[in-house]
Structures are given as C-alpha cells and as structure tokens.
Amino acid sequence: MNGSGGSFSLDTYEGVTVSGSFGKTNLPSGQTFYAVDAFGHGTGDIEPWNGTPFPQFSTSGDSPVIYLELQNSSSYNVQFVAQKGKPVWSFTLKDSGGFPGTNCSFALYLQSRSGGYIWQTPIGPPSGEPSGNTVTINWYEWPGGFELPLGTPTYVQFYCDNGSH
C-alpha cells in the first residue's frame, strides 16, 4: 500500500470471497498492510487479542456474513483521505450460498476513547444491495482523526439485513 491506496483479493473461504480496495492514504510507497478473513461464530478461526476472546458483532435483524482482519504492519498509523466521488474503502463479497438479506454493510471493531474496544457502524453508512451472489459495499466518508494504528488489528464484520442502512 502507498499514498494512492492499494487493493487485495483473498482466496475463497467457506464459499465466500472478499476483495477490496483502499483509497488515498498518508503512507509512503512500499508499506505492508495485511487482510485476513474469518467466520468467528464459535469456529475458533479468530484468535484472542491480548488475551481477550473475540467479541461477535450482533444487532437485531442483522445476519453476519464474514469477518475481515486488517493488520497495519507499516511503519505508520494509517490515515485515509476522502476524495469526492471515490470510495475510501470498497469491498466486494461473493457468497456461493447467497446473502441473508437485501442490504449489506459492515461494522468496525475499534478502540474507544476510554481505551476499550467497541463495535461501531461507520458514518455514511456504507451499504450495498446484493445482486445474485455478489455485493459491493463502498464507504465514501472518513472520520477526521480516525486511523488504523500500527501493529493493532482492526476487525471489519460484514453483515446483511432486510432494511436499509
């Protein structure tokens, strides 16, 4: 990843494929940033972080699809820059079994001001409507001061429901 962003594509995992792209950042060229997918939900494929078990995201009416761990292994805290008409983050999911709803979005597991971690739905909010077995979710807004810290995982939980976000 570099200042103009980057992209990734993961292998199919349990019938779900995730690919994505990131827009403009504060990073110089050649920085490393990892993306890994997992299911959670008692499967044991998400390890505890600092001794704390992974908390599942759940709200009424939402059906989880897959989790994504973003690991900033660069030498910088990553800040993304919103640009008019361009997504800051864009994710495309393909699910061989279809999606459990008519609208999909994501939530982020982030460190709160008090130092603990909480699930938050991003401002915007990002959403996409499935078409067959594919959905693309774009996020156009980036909150000021929000960054992906060096050496700390950020979890993204993709979910679908039958409402609008």
Protein backbone atom coordinates (compact mmCIF):
# COMPACT_ATOMS: atom_id res chain seq x y z
CA MET A 1 0.00 0.00 0.00
CA ASN A 2 1.15 3.54 -0.62
CA GLY A 3 -0.19 7.09 -0.75
CA SER A 4 -2.53 6.33 -3.62
CA GLY A 5 -4.00 3.32 -1.77
CA GLY A 6 -3.95 -0.36 -2.57
CA SER A 7 -6.06 -3.43 -3.20
CA PHE A 8 -6.31 -7.07 -2.18
CA SER A 9 -8.11 -10.26 -3.12
CA LEU A 10 -8.42 -13.22 -0.78
CA ASP A 11 -8.91 -16.87 -1.68
CA THR A 12 -12.41 -18.29 -1.27
CA TYR A 13 -13.05 -19.33 2.34
CA GLU A 14 -16.09 -21.47 3.20
CA GLY A 15 -17.77 -20.32 -0.03
CA VAL A 16 -17.12 -16.60 0.50
CA THR A 17 -14.60 -14.49 -1.42
CA VAL A 18 -13.57 -10.99 -0.30
CA SER A 19 -11.68 -8.44 -2.36
CA GLY A 20 -11.22 -4.77 -1.67
CA SER A 21 -9.51 -1.54 -2.42
CA PHE A 22 -8.41 1.37 -0.28
CA GLY A 23 -8.27 4.96 -1.44
CA LYS A 24 -5.70 7.66 -0.80
CA THR A 25 -3.62 7.37 2.41
CA ASN A 26 -0.83 9.13 4.29
CA LEU A 27 1.59 6.26 3.55
CA PRO A 28 4.78 6.48 1.52
CA SER A 29 5.38 3.71 -1.05
CA GLY A 30 6.12 0.13 -0.08
CA GLN A 31 4.24 -0.15 3.22
CA THR A 32 2.77 -3.52 4.27
CA PHE A 33 -0.86 -3.97 5.18
CA TYR A 34 -2.49 -7.41 5.59
CA ALA A 35 -6.09 -8.57 5.20
CA VAL A 36 -7.29 -11.95 6.51
CA ASP A 37 -10.84 -13.35 6.53
CA ALA A 38 -12.58 -15.48 9.17
CA PHE A 39 -16.03 -16.66 10.22
CA GLY A 40 -15.98 -16.38 14.01
CA HIS A 41 -19.32 -17.64 15.37
CA GLY A 42 -17.63 -20.26 17.54
CA THR A 43 -15.48 -21.70 14.73
CA GLY A 44 -12.25 -20.78 16.54
CA ASP A 45 -10.73 -19.15 13.46
CA ILE A 46 -10.28 -15.79 15.22
CA GLU A 47 -7.63 -15.85 17.94
CA PRO A 48 -7.94 -13.78 21.16
CA TRP A 49 -6.23 -10.38 21.05
CA ASN A 50 -4.14 -9.56 24.15
CA GLY A 51 -5.84 -12.44 25.99
CA THR A 52 -9.38 -11.24 25.27
CA PRO A 53 -11.71 -13.54 23.30
CA PHE A 54 -13.04 -12.11 20.07
CA PRO A 55 -16.46 -10.48 20.61
CA GLN A 56 -19.07 -11.31 17.99
CA PHE A 57 -20.91 -8.39 16.42
CA SER A 58 -24.65 -8.71 16.67
CA THR A 59 -27.64 -6.43 16.41
CA SER A 60 -31.29 -7.25 15.98
CA GLY A 61 -32.10 -8.32 12.44
CA ASP A 62 -28.51 -8.45 11.17
CA SER A 63 -27.04 -11.68 9.82
CA PRO A 64 -23.23 -11.89 9.79
CA VAL A 65 -21.54 -12.95 6.55
CA ILE A 66 -17.78 -12.90 7.25
CA TYR A 67 -15.14 -11.05 9.28
CA LEU A 68 -12.05 -9.37 7.91
CA GLU A 69 -8.96 -8.54 9.97
CA LEU A 70 -6.90 -5.60 8.73
CA GLN A 71 -3.38 -5.62 10.12
CA ASN A 72 -1.29 -2.49 9.72
CA SER A 73 2.30 -3.71 9.51
CA SER A 74 3.64 -0.49 8.04
CA SER A 75 5.82 1.96 9.93
CA TYR A 76 2.96 4.48 10.29
CA ASN A 77 -0.53 4.86 11.69
CA VAL A 78 -2.67 4.72 8.54
CA GLN A 79 -4.96 7.64 7.78
CA PHE A 80 -7.22 7.56 4.75
CA VAL A 81 -8.19 10.68 2.80
CA ALA A 82 -11.73 11.13 1.48
CA GLN A 83 -11.87 12.26 -2.15
CA LYS A 84 -15.06 13.43 -3.81
CA GLY A 85 -16.71 10.62 -5.79
CA LYS A 86 -14.12 7.98 -4.81
CA PRO A 87 -14.62 5.36 -2.10
CA VAL A 88 -12.22 5.45 0.83
CA TRP A 89 -12.83 1.71 1.19
CA SER A 90 -14.56 -0.59 -1.28
CA PHE A 91 -15.24 -4.27 -0.65
CA THR A 92 -16.73 -6.88 -2.99
CA LEU A 93 -18.04 -10.08 -1.46
CA LYS A 94 -19.11 -13.18 -3.36
CA ASP A 95 -21.05 -15.82 -1.45
CA SER A 96 -21.79 -19.10 -3.20
CA GLY A 97 -24.79 -19.54 -0.90
CA GLY A 98 -26.21 -16.06 -1.48
CA PHE A 99 -26.66 -13.29 1.08
CA PRO A 100 -29.04 -13.33 4.07
CA GLY A 101 -30.80 -10.06 3.22
CA THR A 102 -31.44 -7.29 0.72
CA ASN A 103 -28.88 -4.80 2.04
CA CYS A 104 -25.33 -5.39 3.30
CA SER A 105 -22.97 -3.20 5.31
CA PHE A 106 -20.11 -3.51 7.79
CA ALA A 107 -19.18 -2.58 11.33
CA LEU A 108 -15.69 -1.88 12.72
CA TYR A 109 -14.24 -3.14 16.00
CA LEU A 110 -12.32 -0.10 17.21
CA GLN A 111 -10.59 1.24 20.27
CA SER A 112 -12.82 3.73 22.09
CA ARG A 113 -11.69 6.94 23.77
CA SER A 114 -11.76 5.11 27.12
CA GLY A 115 -9.23 2.58 25.79
CA GLY A 116 -11.60 -0.38 25.48
CA TYR A 117 -12.82 -1.81 22.19
CA ILE A 118 -16.33 -1.48 20.78
CA TRP A 119 -18.22 -2.34 17.58
CA GLN A 120 -19.17 0.75 15.60
CA THR A 121 -21.10 1.24 12.38
CA PRO A 122 -19.15 3.77 10.30
CA ILE A 123 -20.54 7.15 9.40
CA GLY A 124 -22.01 7.22 5.94
CA PRO A 125 -23.00 4.40 6.49
CA PRO A 126 -21.52 2.11 3.85
CA SER A 127 -24.01 -0.22 2.20
CA GLY A 128 -24.67 -2.27 -0.90
CA GLU A 129 -27.50 -4.32 -2.35
CA PRO A 130 -26.67 -7.90 -3.33
CA SER A 131 -27.03 -8.81 -6.99
CA GLY A 132 -27.13 -12.57 -7.26
CA ASN A 133 -24.19 -13.90 -5.22
CA THR A 134 -22.20 -10.63 -5.28
CA VAL A 135 -22.36 -7.40 -3.30
CA THR A 136 -20.10 -4.34 -3.41
CA ILE A 137 -20.01 -2.07 -0.36
CA ASN A 138 -18.47 1.39 -0.76
CA TRP A 139 -17.55 3.80 2.03
CA TYR A 140 -17.09 7.41 0.93
CA GLU A 141 -16.60 9.21 4.24
CA TRP A 142 -13.63 9.04 6.58
CA PRO A 143 -13.97 10.49 10.08
CA GLY A 144 -11.34 13.09 10.96
CA GLY A 145 -8.73 11.78 13.39
CA PHE A 146 -9.62 8.12 12.76
CA GLU A 147 -6.66 5.94 11.87
CA LEU A 148 -5.62 2.31 11.74
CA PRO A 149 -2.89 2.08 14.36
CA LEU A 150 0.46 0.43 13.76
CA GLY A 151 0.58 -3.17 15.00
CA THR A 152 -3.07 -3.34 16.12
CA PRO A 153 -5.68 -5.36 14.25
CA THR A 154 -8.85 -3.66 13.05
CA TYR A 155 -11.78 -6.01 12.54
CA VAL A 156 -14.47 -5.49 9.91
CA GLN A 157 -17.67 -7.50 10.20
CA PHE A 158 -19.80 -7.73 7.07
CA TYR A 159 -23.49 -8.34 7.66
CA CYS A 160 -26.78 -8.23 5.76
CA ASP A 161 -30.36 -7.49 6.73
CA ASN A 162 -33.67 -6.68 5.10
CA GLY A 163 -33.65 -2.99 5.91
CA SER A 164 -31.68 -0.01 4.72
CA HIS A 165 -28.66 1.48 6.46
